[in-house]
N, C-alpha and C. Protein backbone atom coordinates (compact mmCIF):
# COMPACT_ATOMS: atom_id res chain seq x y z
N MET A 1 202.67 79.28 -17.89
CA MET A 1 204.02 79.29 -17.14
C MET A 1 205.07 80.24 -16.65
N LYS A 2 205.18 80.95 -15.60
CA LYS A 2 205.98 82.20 -15.06
C LYS A 2 207.12 82.20 -15.94
N LYS A 3 207.82 83.32 -16.27
CA LYS A 3 208.93 83.28 -16.83
C LYS A 3 209.79 83.34 -15.78
N LEU A 4 211.38 82.46 -16.45
CA LEU A 4 212.16 82.64 -14.70
C LEU A 4 213.64 82.80 -15.32
N TYR A 5 214.30 83.56 -14.63
CA TYR A 5 215.80 83.89 -14.47
C TYR A 5 216.51 83.40 -13.94
N LEU A 6 217.27 82.98 -14.12
CA LEU A 6 218.65 81.78 -12.94
C LEU A 6 219.54 82.79 -12.69
N ILE A 7 220.24 82.86 -11.78
CA ILE A 7 221.61 84.14 -11.50
C ILE A 7 222.45 82.45 -10.55
N GLY A 8 223.45 82.98 -11.76
CA GLY A 8 224.61 81.67 -11.81
C GLY A 8 224.71 80.33 -12.58
N GLY A 9 225.60 80.40 -13.13
CA GLY A 9 225.55 78.99 -13.95
C GLY A 9 226.25 77.72 -13.49
N GLY A 10 226.73 77.39 -12.85
CA GLY A 10 227.51 76.13 -12.09
C GLY A 10 226.75 75.00 -11.55
N GLY A 11 227.47 74.57 -11.19
CA GLY A 11 226.57 72.88 -11.04
C GLY A 11 225.90 72.99 -10.38
N HIS A 12 225.41 74.06 -9.06
CA HIS A 12 224.12 73.98 -8.86
C HIS A 12 223.26 74.57 -9.59
N CYS A 13 223.53 75.13 -10.55
CA CYS A 13 222.16 75.62 -11.49
C CYS A 13 221.63 74.25 -11.93
N LYS A 14 223.02 73.33 -12.31
CA LYS A 14 222.62 71.47 -13.47
C LYS A 14 221.37 71.42 -12.33
N SER A 15 221.49 71.29 -10.67
CA SER A 15 220.91 70.71 -10.24
C SER A 15 219.40 71.19 -9.99
N CYS A 16 219.31 72.51 -9.63
CA CYS A 16 217.93 73.22 -9.45
C CYS A 16 217.37 73.33 -10.96
N ILE A 17 217.76 73.32 -12.26
CA ILE A 17 217.41 72.93 -13.44
C ILE A 17 216.35 72.37 -13.29
N ASP A 18 216.81 70.93 -12.65
CA ASP A 18 216.28 69.37 -12.96
C ASP A 18 215.09 69.74 -11.93
N VAL A 19 214.81 70.39 -10.71
CA VAL A 19 214.47 70.29 -9.91
C VAL A 19 213.04 71.81 -10.71
N ILE A 20 213.36 72.56 -11.25
CA ILE A 20 212.71 73.23 -11.57
C ILE A 20 211.21 72.68 -12.95
N GLU A 21 212.07 71.92 -14.06
CA GLU A 21 211.39 71.21 -15.12
C GLU A 21 211.01 70.20 -14.37
N GLN A 22 211.22 69.79 -13.16
CA GLN A 22 209.63 68.87 -12.48
C GLN A 22 208.81 69.13 -12.55
N GLN A 23 208.84 70.58 -11.40
CA GLN A 23 207.96 71.37 -10.94
C GLN A 23 206.83 71.83 -11.57
N GLY A 24 207.32 72.40 -12.58
CA GLY A 24 206.34 72.34 -13.84
C GLY A 24 205.94 73.75 -13.81
N GLU A 25 206.05 75.08 -12.82
CA GLU A 25 205.65 76.55 -12.58
C GLU A 25 206.03 77.29 -13.03
N PHE A 26 207.55 76.93 -13.64
CA PHE A 26 208.66 78.38 -14.19
C PHE A 26 208.65 77.65 -15.54
N GLU A 27 208.96 78.52 -16.50
CA GLU A 27 209.78 78.18 -17.80
C GLU A 27 211.10 79.21 -17.69
N ILE A 28 212.28 78.28 -17.96
CA ILE A 28 213.41 79.10 -17.93
C ILE A 28 214.09 79.56 -18.98
N LYS A 29 213.61 81.37 -18.78
CA LYS A 29 214.37 81.78 -20.38
C LYS A 29 215.40 82.40 -20.19
N GLY A 30 216.58 82.47 -18.95
CA GLY A 30 217.80 82.68 -19.84
C GLY A 30 218.56 82.47 -18.06
N ILE A 31 219.88 82.78 -18.25
CA ILE A 31 221.12 82.45 -16.85
C ILE A 31 221.82 83.62 -17.12
N PHE A 32 221.96 84.09 -16.01
CA PHE A 32 222.88 85.32 -15.59
C PHE A 32 224.26 84.45 -14.85
N ASP A 33 225.46 85.13 -15.84
CA ASP A 33 226.51 84.76 -15.15
C ASP A 33 227.83 85.70 -15.40
N LEU A 34 229.04 84.82 -15.32
CA LEU A 34 230.23 86.05 -15.55
C LEU A 34 230.31 86.13 -17.15
N GLU A 35 231.02 87.22 -17.52
CA GLU A 35 230.84 87.46 -18.58
C GLU A 35 231.76 86.87 -19.57
N GLU A 36 232.65 86.20 -19.12
CA GLU A 36 233.37 85.06 -20.31
C GLU A 36 232.50 83.72 -20.29
N ASN A 37 231.64 83.29 -19.81
CA ASN A 37 230.40 82.98 -19.65
C ASN A 37 229.49 83.19 -20.89
N LEU A 38 229.03 84.03 -21.03
CA LEU A 38 228.66 84.71 -22.05
C LEU A 38 227.96 83.33 -23.26
N GLY A 39 226.74 83.26 -23.76
CA GLY A 39 226.92 82.62 -24.91
C GLY A 39 226.32 81.02 -25.01
N LYS A 40 227.22 80.82 -23.85
CA LYS A 40 227.56 79.22 -23.38
C LYS A 40 225.81 78.98 -23.01
N ASN A 41 225.82 77.39 -22.85
CA ASN A 41 224.61 76.90 -22.72
C ASN A 41 225.05 75.81 -20.84
N VAL A 42 223.69 75.96 -20.36
CA VAL A 42 223.70 75.03 -19.28
C VAL A 42 222.94 74.13 -19.32
N LEU A 43 222.91 72.73 -19.44
CA LEU A 43 222.13 72.12 -20.05
C LEU A 43 221.42 72.48 -21.43
N ASN A 44 219.68 72.70 -20.83
CA ASN A 44 219.50 73.27 -22.15
C ASN A 44 219.37 74.77 -22.79
N TYR A 45 220.21 75.54 -21.55
CA TYR A 45 219.49 77.45 -21.28
C TYR A 45 221.00 77.59 -21.49
N GLN A 46 220.46 78.54 -22.19
CA GLN A 46 221.74 79.33 -22.60
C GLN A 46 222.02 80.82 -21.74
N ILE A 47 223.54 80.94 -21.08
CA ILE A 47 223.69 81.91 -20.17
C ILE A 47 223.86 83.38 -21.43
N ILE A 48 222.86 84.43 -20.82
CA ILE A 48 222.56 85.36 -21.76
C ILE A 48 223.05 86.73 -21.36
N ASP A 49 223.51 86.95 -19.75
CA ASP A 49 223.77 88.36 -19.81
C ASP A 49 224.24 88.26 -17.81
N ILE A 50 225.34 89.32 -17.78
CA ILE A 50 225.96 89.27 -16.68
C ILE A 50 225.14 89.95 -15.38
N ASP A 51 225.62 89.89 -14.01
CA ASP A 51 224.40 89.61 -13.21
C ASP A 51 224.38 91.42 -13.17
N ASN A 52 225.35 92.41 -13.43
CA ASN A 52 225.40 93.55 -13.15
C ASN A 52 224.24 94.51 -13.74
N ASN A 53 223.81 93.24 -14.79
CA ASN A 53 222.45 93.79 -15.70
C ASN A 53 220.91 93.11 -15.21
N LEU A 54 220.83 92.76 -14.57
CA LEU A 54 219.72 92.06 -13.41
C LEU A 54 218.31 92.89 -13.97
N GLU A 55 218.89 94.15 -13.49
CA GLU A 55 217.38 95.37 -13.04
C GLU A 55 216.73 95.50 -14.51
N LYS A 56 217.60 95.47 -16.07
CA LYS A 56 217.55 95.41 -16.89
C LYS A 56 215.81 94.26 -17.32
N TYR A 57 215.90 93.63 -16.29
CA TYR A 57 215.06 92.24 -16.86
C TYR A 57 214.04 92.64 -15.80
N VAL A 58 214.64 93.28 -14.67
CA VAL A 58 212.71 93.14 -13.49
C VAL A 58 211.53 93.76 -14.40
N ASP A 59 210.14 93.11 -14.03
CA ASP A 59 208.88 93.28 -14.37
C ASP A 59 208.65 92.60 -13.83
N ASP A 60 206.44 93.01 -14.02
CA ASP A 60 205.71 92.30 -13.72
C ASP A 60 205.73 90.76 -13.83
N GLU A 61 205.85 90.46 -15.06
CA GLU A 61 206.13 88.83 -15.50
C GLU A 61 207.42 87.95 -15.05
N ASN A 62 208.71 88.90 -14.90
CA ASN A 62 209.58 87.70 -14.70
C ASN A 62 209.93 87.25 -13.00
N TYR A 63 210.24 86.18 -13.04
CA TYR A 63 210.64 85.77 -11.80
C TYR A 63 212.36 85.46 -12.02
N PHE A 64 212.78 85.40 -10.58
CA PHE A 64 214.53 84.95 -10.40
C PHE A 64 214.29 83.93 -9.31
N LEU A 65 216.05 83.78 -9.80
CA LEU A 65 215.69 82.38 -8.83
C LEU A 65 217.35 82.34 -8.52
N ILE A 66 217.79 82.34 -7.20
CA ILE A 66 219.47 82.43 -7.19
C ILE A 66 220.43 81.17 -7.25
N THR A 67 221.03 80.57 -8.53
CA THR A 67 221.29 78.85 -8.65
C THR A 67 222.73 79.01 -7.98
N ILE A 68 223.49 80.19 -7.56
CA ILE A 68 224.54 79.87 -6.88
C ILE A 68 224.76 79.03 -5.90
N GLY A 69 225.71 78.11 -5.39
CA GLY A 69 225.55 77.06 -4.26
C GLY A 69 226.35 77.95 -3.32
N TYR A 70 226.33 77.62 -2.33
CA TYR A 70 227.12 77.59 -1.39
C TYR A 70 228.28 78.31 -1.11
N ILE A 71 229.08 78.77 -1.65
CA ILE A 71 230.75 78.61 -2.14
C ILE A 71 231.87 79.51 -1.45
N LYS A 72 232.29 78.39 -0.21
CA LYS A 72 232.60 79.03 1.11
C LYS A 72 231.85 79.68 1.79
N THR A 73 231.35 80.52 1.20
CA THR A 73 230.47 81.48 2.45
C THR A 73 229.31 82.14 1.28
N PRO A 74 227.77 82.55 2.28
CA PRO A 74 226.52 82.27 1.83
C PRO A 74 226.99 84.10 1.47
N LYS A 75 227.87 84.92 1.12
CA LYS A 75 227.89 86.24 0.77
C LYS A 75 227.60 86.65 -0.55
N LEU A 76 227.71 86.12 -1.71
CA LEU A 76 227.40 86.03 -2.95
C LEU A 76 226.08 86.03 -3.37
N ARG A 77 225.33 85.14 -2.47
CA ARG A 77 224.47 84.93 -2.83
C ARG A 77 223.25 85.72 -1.78
N GLU A 78 223.89 86.06 -0.54
CA GLU A 78 223.55 87.18 0.49
C GLU A 78 223.41 88.32 -0.70
N GLU A 79 224.35 88.73 -0.69
CA GLU A 79 224.36 90.14 -2.06
C GLU A 79 223.44 89.85 -2.91
N LEU A 80 223.55 89.10 -4.04
CA LEU A 80 222.56 89.09 -4.70
C LEU A 80 221.00 89.01 -4.68
N PHE A 81 220.86 88.41 -3.35
CA PHE A 81 219.27 88.09 -2.81
C PHE A 81 218.96 89.70 -2.75
N GLN A 82 219.73 90.45 -1.69
CA GLN A 82 219.32 92.20 -1.56
C GLN A 82 219.39 92.50 -2.77
N LYS A 83 219.86 92.60 -3.90
CA LYS A 83 220.18 93.50 -5.22
C LYS A 83 218.62 92.93 -5.56
N LEU A 84 217.90 92.10 -5.30
CA LEU A 84 216.45 91.30 -6.32
C LEU A 84 215.54 92.38 -5.05
N LEU A 85 215.58 92.08 -4.08
CA LEU A 85 214.89 92.56 -2.90
C LEU A 85 214.78 94.62 -3.35
N LYS A 86 215.84 94.88 -3.74
CA LYS A 86 215.50 96.05 -3.81
C LYS A 86 215.70 96.67 -5.19
N THR A 87 215.36 95.76 -6.39
CA THR A 87 214.66 96.53 -7.61
C THR A 87 213.45 95.67 -7.52
N ASN A 88 212.53 95.36 -6.37
CA ASN A 88 211.71 94.71 -6.43
C ASN A 88 210.96 94.15 -7.51
N ALA A 89 211.84 92.54 -7.51
CA ALA A 89 211.80 91.38 -8.20
C ALA A 89 210.86 90.98 -7.47
N ASN A 90 210.31 89.94 -8.74
CA ASN A 90 209.45 88.75 -8.52
C ASN A 90 210.75 87.46 -8.03
N ILE A 91 210.73 87.31 -6.68
CA ILE A 91 211.67 86.06 -6.29
C ILE A 91 210.91 84.80 -5.97
N ALA A 92 211.18 83.62 -7.23
CA ALA A 92 210.69 82.50 -6.87
C ALA A 92 211.07 81.60 -5.98
N THR A 93 209.80 80.59 -5.63
CA THR A 93 210.46 79.70 -4.60
C THR A 93 209.60 78.30 -5.50
N VAL A 94 211.02 77.57 -4.77
CA VAL A 94 210.91 76.11 -6.08
C VAL A 94 211.04 75.14 -4.77
N ILE A 95 209.99 74.37 -5.18
CA ILE A 95 210.11 72.91 -4.36
C ILE A 95 209.31 72.08 -5.46
N SER A 96 210.53 70.91 -5.46
CA SER A 96 210.56 69.37 -6.13
C SER A 96 209.29 68.82 -5.76
N PRO A 97 208.46 68.18 -7.07
CA PRO A 97 207.65 67.69 -6.27
C PRO A 97 207.98 66.58 -5.90
N ARG A 98 209.65 65.78 -5.63
CA ARG A 98 209.63 65.16 -5.12
C ARG A 98 210.05 65.02 -3.49
N ALA A 99 209.59 66.23 -3.28
CA ALA A 99 210.03 66.19 -1.36
C ALA A 99 208.93 66.20 -0.84
N TYR A 100 208.69 66.37 0.30
CA TYR A 100 207.70 66.21 1.49
C TYR A 100 207.56 67.39 1.95
N VAL A 101 206.77 67.93 2.01
CA VAL A 101 206.88 69.52 2.78
C VAL A 101 205.23 69.61 3.74
N SER A 102 205.07 69.67 4.88
CA SER A 102 204.04 69.42 5.65
C SER A 102 203.52 70.92 5.20
N ARG A 103 201.95 70.89 5.49
CA ARG A 103 200.78 71.68 5.02
C ARG A 103 201.46 72.97 6.27
N TYR A 104 202.17 72.69 7.31
CA TYR A 104 202.37 72.96 8.73
C TYR A 104 203.66 73.87 8.58
N ALA A 105 204.29 74.03 7.05
CA ALA A 105 206.06 74.14 7.30
C ALA A 105 205.73 75.34 6.75
N LYS A 106 206.39 76.36 6.76
CA LYS A 106 206.73 77.59 6.16
C LYS A 106 207.84 77.56 5.25
N VAL A 107 207.83 78.37 4.07
CA VAL A 107 208.63 78.18 3.26
C VAL A 107 209.26 79.99 2.17
N GLY A 108 210.46 80.04 2.89
CA GLY A 108 210.23 81.42 2.86
C GLY A 108 210.88 81.67 1.33
N VAL A 109 210.46 83.29 0.81
CA VAL A 109 211.03 83.44 -1.05
C VAL A 109 212.06 83.18 -1.32
N GLY A 110 212.64 82.22 -2.33
CA GLY A 110 213.91 82.81 -3.01
C GLY A 110 214.50 81.57 -2.17
N THR A 111 213.76 80.32 -1.52
CA THR A 111 214.66 79.19 -1.07
C THR A 111 214.06 77.85 -2.49
N ILE A 112 215.19 76.90 -2.40
CA ILE A 112 215.30 75.75 -3.30
C ILE A 112 215.16 74.59 -2.47
N ILE A 113 213.84 73.78 -2.25
CA ILE A 113 213.92 72.55 -1.87
C ILE A 113 213.87 71.31 -3.15
N MET A 114 215.16 70.77 -2.72
CA MET A 114 215.57 69.33 -3.70
C MET A 114 215.07 68.28 -3.96
N HIS A 115 215.31 67.43 -4.32
CA HIS A 115 214.40 66.12 -4.66
C HIS A 115 214.68 65.55 -3.03
N ASP A 116 213.50 64.67 -3.06
CA ASP A 116 213.67 63.78 -2.03
C ASP A 116 214.04 64.67 -0.05
N ALA A 117 213.59 65.81 -0.13
CA ALA A 117 214.16 66.61 1.09
C ALA A 117 212.41 66.10 1.62
N LEU A 118 212.78 66.08 2.82
CA LEU A 118 211.53 65.78 3.86
C LEU A 118 211.52 67.04 5.14
N ILE A 119 210.56 67.76 5.09
CA ILE A 119 210.17 69.00 5.82
C ILE A 119 208.74 68.78 6.66
N ASN A 120 208.98 68.87 8.10
CA ASN A 120 208.73 67.87 9.13
C ASN A 120 207.23 68.91 9.30
N ALA A 121 205.92 69.00 9.99
CA ALA A 121 205.74 69.77 10.68
C ALA A 121 206.04 70.74 11.61
N ASN A 122 205.58 71.93 11.30
CA ASN A 122 205.88 73.33 11.65
C ASN A 122 207.44 73.77 11.79
N VAL A 123 208.12 73.17 10.51
CA VAL A 123 209.25 73.37 10.25
C VAL A 123 209.18 75.21 9.78
N ASP A 124 210.11 76.20 9.94
CA ASP A 124 210.15 77.50 9.58
C ASP A 124 211.54 77.71 8.96
N ILE A 125 211.49 77.82 7.59
CA ILE A 125 212.66 77.51 7.03
C ILE A 125 213.11 79.26 6.31
N GLY A 126 213.76 79.86 6.17
CA GLY A 126 213.60 81.87 5.63
C GLY A 126 214.01 81.34 4.08
N ARG A 127 214.22 82.99 3.97
CA ARG A 127 214.33 83.26 3.22
C ARG A 127 215.86 82.71 2.05
N ASN A 128 215.87 82.55 0.96
CA ASN A 128 217.12 82.19 0.09
C ASN A 128 218.04 81.59 0.58
N CYS A 129 217.24 80.32 0.77
CA CYS A 129 218.10 78.61 1.13
C CYS A 129 218.02 78.07 0.43
N ILE A 130 218.84 77.42 0.62
CA ILE A 130 218.92 75.85 -0.25
C ILE A 130 218.36 74.48 0.88
N ILE A 131 217.90 74.00 0.26
CA ILE A 131 217.46 72.47 1.53
C ILE A 131 218.02 71.60 0.15
N ASN A 132 219.00 70.65 0.48
CA ASN A 132 219.22 69.89 -0.60
C ASN A 132 219.08 68.99 -0.44
N SER A 133 219.04 67.94 -1.61
CA SER A 133 218.40 66.97 -1.72
C SER A 133 218.44 65.76 -0.62
N LYS A 134 217.65 65.05 -0.22
CA LYS A 134 217.12 63.81 1.07
C LYS A 134 217.76 64.77 2.42
N ALA A 135 217.41 65.78 2.37
CA ALA A 135 217.44 66.40 3.93
C ALA A 135 216.46 66.33 4.03
N LEU A 136 216.73 65.63 6.15
CA LEU A 136 215.51 65.69 6.60
C LEU A 136 215.29 66.78 7.86
N LEU A 137 214.39 67.60 7.88
CA LEU A 137 214.17 68.50 9.15
C LEU A 137 212.75 68.36 9.78
N GLU A 138 212.90 68.15 10.63
CA GLU A 138 212.23 67.15 11.43
C GLU A 138 211.33 68.47 12.16
N HIS A 139 210.40 67.66 12.82
CA HIS A 139 208.89 69.43 13.35
C HIS A 139 209.85 69.92 14.44
N ASP A 140 209.64 71.55 13.94
CA ASP A 140 209.95 72.77 15.44
C ASP A 140 211.41 72.96 14.80
N VAL A 141 211.56 72.61 13.81
CA VAL A 141 213.12 73.27 12.88
C VAL A 141 212.89 74.82 12.80
N LEU A 142 213.80 75.44 13.07
CA LEU A 142 214.19 76.77 11.84
C LEU A 142 215.51 76.74 11.45
N VAL A 143 214.95 77.14 10.38
CA VAL A 143 216.37 77.75 9.53
C VAL A 143 216.04 78.64 9.23
N GLU A 144 216.87 79.92 9.44
CA GLU A 144 217.02 81.34 8.98
C GLU A 144 217.24 81.46 7.99
N ASP A 145 217.70 82.95 7.39
CA ASP A 145 217.64 83.23 5.97
C ASP A 145 219.52 82.61 5.54
N ASN A 146 219.31 82.71 4.35
CA ASN A 146 220.59 82.45 3.64
C ASN A 146 221.65 81.55 3.89
N CYS A 147 220.68 80.02 4.34
CA CYS A 147 221.54 79.30 4.61
C CYS A 147 221.62 77.65 3.59
N HIS A 148 222.45 76.68 3.77
CA HIS A 148 222.28 76.09 2.54
C HIS A 148 222.62 74.66 3.84
N ILE A 149 221.46 73.49 4.19
CA ILE A 149 221.21 72.66 4.48
C ILE A 149 221.51 71.16 3.56
N SER A 150 222.83 71.33 3.85
CA SER A 150 223.26 69.84 2.32
C SER A 150 222.63 68.19 2.45
N THR A 151 222.99 67.82 1.44
CA THR A 151 223.08 66.33 1.41
C THR A 151 222.66 65.60 1.89
N ALA A 152 221.59 64.93 2.65
CA ALA A 152 221.50 63.81 3.24
C ALA A 152 221.98 64.50 5.22
N SER A 153 221.67 65.80 5.07
CA SER A 153 221.73 66.46 6.52
C SER A 153 220.17 66.15 7.24
N VAL A 154 220.95 65.66 8.36
CA VAL A 154 219.31 65.88 9.58
C VAL A 154 219.58 66.68 10.48
N LEU A 155 218.44 67.25 10.57
CA LEU A 155 218.27 68.16 11.52
C LEU A 155 217.07 67.79 12.19
N ASN A 156 217.01 67.16 13.76
CA ASN A 156 216.41 66.80 14.49
C ASN A 156 215.56 67.89 15.21
N GLY A 157 213.91 67.47 15.74
CA GLY A 157 213.52 68.10 16.38
C GLY A 157 213.71 69.66 17.18
N GLY A 158 213.29 70.28 16.72
CA GLY A 158 213.79 71.95 17.80
C GLY A 158 214.92 72.82 17.14
N VAL A 159 215.56 71.62 16.33
CA VAL A 159 216.80 72.63 16.39
C VAL A 159 216.90 74.06 15.49
N THR A 160 217.68 75.11 15.93
CA THR A 160 217.75 76.21 15.00
C THR A 160 218.83 76.45 14.38
N ILE A 161 218.82 76.78 13.68
CA ILE A 161 220.21 77.13 12.36
C ILE A 161 220.04 78.46 12.03
N GLU A 162 220.85 79.08 12.79
CA GLU A 162 220.69 80.74 12.53
C GLU A 162 221.25 81.06 11.01
N LYS A 163 220.76 82.19 11.00
CA LYS A 163 221.32 83.02 9.21
C LYS A 163 222.73 82.59 8.97
N ASN A 164 222.72 82.85 7.48
CA ASN A 164 223.89 82.31 6.46
C ASN A 164 224.71 81.18 7.28
N SER A 165 224.52 79.98 7.90
CA SER A 165 225.31 78.85 7.45
C SER A 165 225.10 77.65 7.03
N PHE A 166 226.23 77.12 7.29
CA PHE A 166 226.20 75.35 5.83
C PHE A 166 226.35 74.05 7.15
N ILE A 167 225.62 73.46 6.76
CA ILE A 167 225.45 72.31 7.63
C ILE A 167 225.74 71.06 6.28
N GLY A 168 227.06 70.35 6.25
CA GLY A 168 227.57 69.80 5.52
C GLY A 168 226.59 68.18 5.18
N SER A 169 226.92 67.66 4.40
CA SER A 169 226.00 66.50 3.78
C SER A 169 226.52 65.62 4.53
N ASN A 170 225.43 64.23 4.87
CA ASN A 170 225.06 64.00 6.17
C ASN A 170 225.52 64.16 7.28
N SER A 171 225.44 65.27 7.69
CA SER A 171 225.74 66.21 9.19
C SER A 171 224.62 65.71 10.06
N THR A 172 224.39 65.08 11.23
CA THR A 172 223.33 65.09 12.21
C THR A 172 223.51 66.26 13.31
N VAL A 173 222.32 67.47 13.61
CA VAL A 173 222.27 68.18 14.28
C VAL A 173 221.08 66.79 15.96
N ILE A 174 221.61 66.90 16.96
CA ILE A 174 220.63 66.35 17.47
C ILE A 174 220.18 67.51 18.04
N GLN A 175 218.63 66.77 18.90
CA GLN A 175 217.40 67.67 18.65
C GLN A 175 217.78 68.88 19.63
N GLY A 176 217.07 70.11 19.88
CA GLY A 176 217.08 71.06 20.74
C GLY A 176 218.36 71.94 20.32
N VAL A 177 219.21 71.50 19.60
CA VAL A 177 220.63 72.15 19.48
C VAL A 177 220.37 73.45 18.60
N ASN A 178 221.26 74.79 19.26
CA ASN A 178 221.03 75.93 18.39
C ASN A 178 222.30 76.19 17.57
N ILE A 179 222.53 76.30 16.03
CA ILE A 179 223.86 76.64 15.50
C ILE A 179 223.92 77.80 15.09
N LEU A 180 225.04 78.58 15.76
CA LEU A 180 224.93 80.31 15.42
C LEU A 180 225.03 80.63 13.74
N ALA A 181 224.79 81.72 13.99
CA ALA A 181 225.21 82.46 12.70
C ALA A 181 226.15 82.35 12.17
N ASN A 182 226.02 82.05 10.96
CA ASN A 182 228.01 82.18 9.93
C ASN A 182 228.49 81.36 10.38
N SER A 183 227.94 79.78 11.10
CA SER A 183 228.33 78.41 11.20
C SER A 183 228.88 77.75 9.96
N PHE A 184 229.93 76.83 10.01
CA PHE A 184 229.76 76.22 8.69
C PHE A 184 230.51 74.68 9.47
N ILE A 185 229.73 73.65 9.05
CA ILE A 185 229.66 72.26 9.86
C ILE A 185 229.75 71.41 8.77
N LYS A 186 231.34 70.82 8.85
CA LYS A 186 231.71 69.68 7.90
C LYS A 186 231.00 68.42 7.68
N ALA A 187 231.02 67.93 6.24
CA ALA A 187 230.33 66.66 6.10
C ALA A 187 230.33 66.15 7.36
N GLY A 188 229.68 65.22 7.39
CA GLY A 188 229.50 63.75 8.27
C GLY A 188 229.98 64.37 9.80
N SER A 189 229.20 65.50 10.38
CA SER A 189 229.57 66.05 11.42
C SER A 189 228.65 65.09 12.28
N LEU A 190 228.68 65.68 13.35
CA LEU A 190 227.79 64.76 14.57
C LEU A 190 227.83 65.90 15.90
N ILE A 191 226.75 66.65 15.55
CA ILE A 191 226.45 67.87 16.79
C ILE A 191 225.14 67.49 17.40
N LYS A 192 226.04 67.37 19.23
CA LYS A 192 225.12 66.93 20.38
C LYS A 192 224.53 68.57 21.00
């Protein structure tokens, strides 16, 4: 199995761990978080170091995944992703075995697709995205980099979600709609 380090030890990390364990492709070696959390455990995995020391762990055998959620903005996720790119780190892509991803879909590096998500034909998902549990992305959807499509959201055919956007839980975006970059769509919204 590939060695994997997680960046961020909060609530989203717990959900990611569950997906990673179910997938069975990676062995989690440790978590990076804030200095005051060093030595603590998240589920069965220890917080071993801080984000500033990531570069010490970059080598050909180690993979990394950002497990910080979208906290008000995607800025921290984006900064950490750029740091990984600059250090030429191996960045994991994780897809739950309980998700359906069409063989005609594309999923960018650093993206996690959570349990029971449904990704239909000709969907294009960018890098460093979260496609959360039970999200539905219909045919021809484009999700650009650093987006979070939250739990039970529905993106109908031909929708575009531009970079750095958040689509809240139980939101529905009607077919063909374009959501502009840096948008924040609150939970339960209907976007026509």
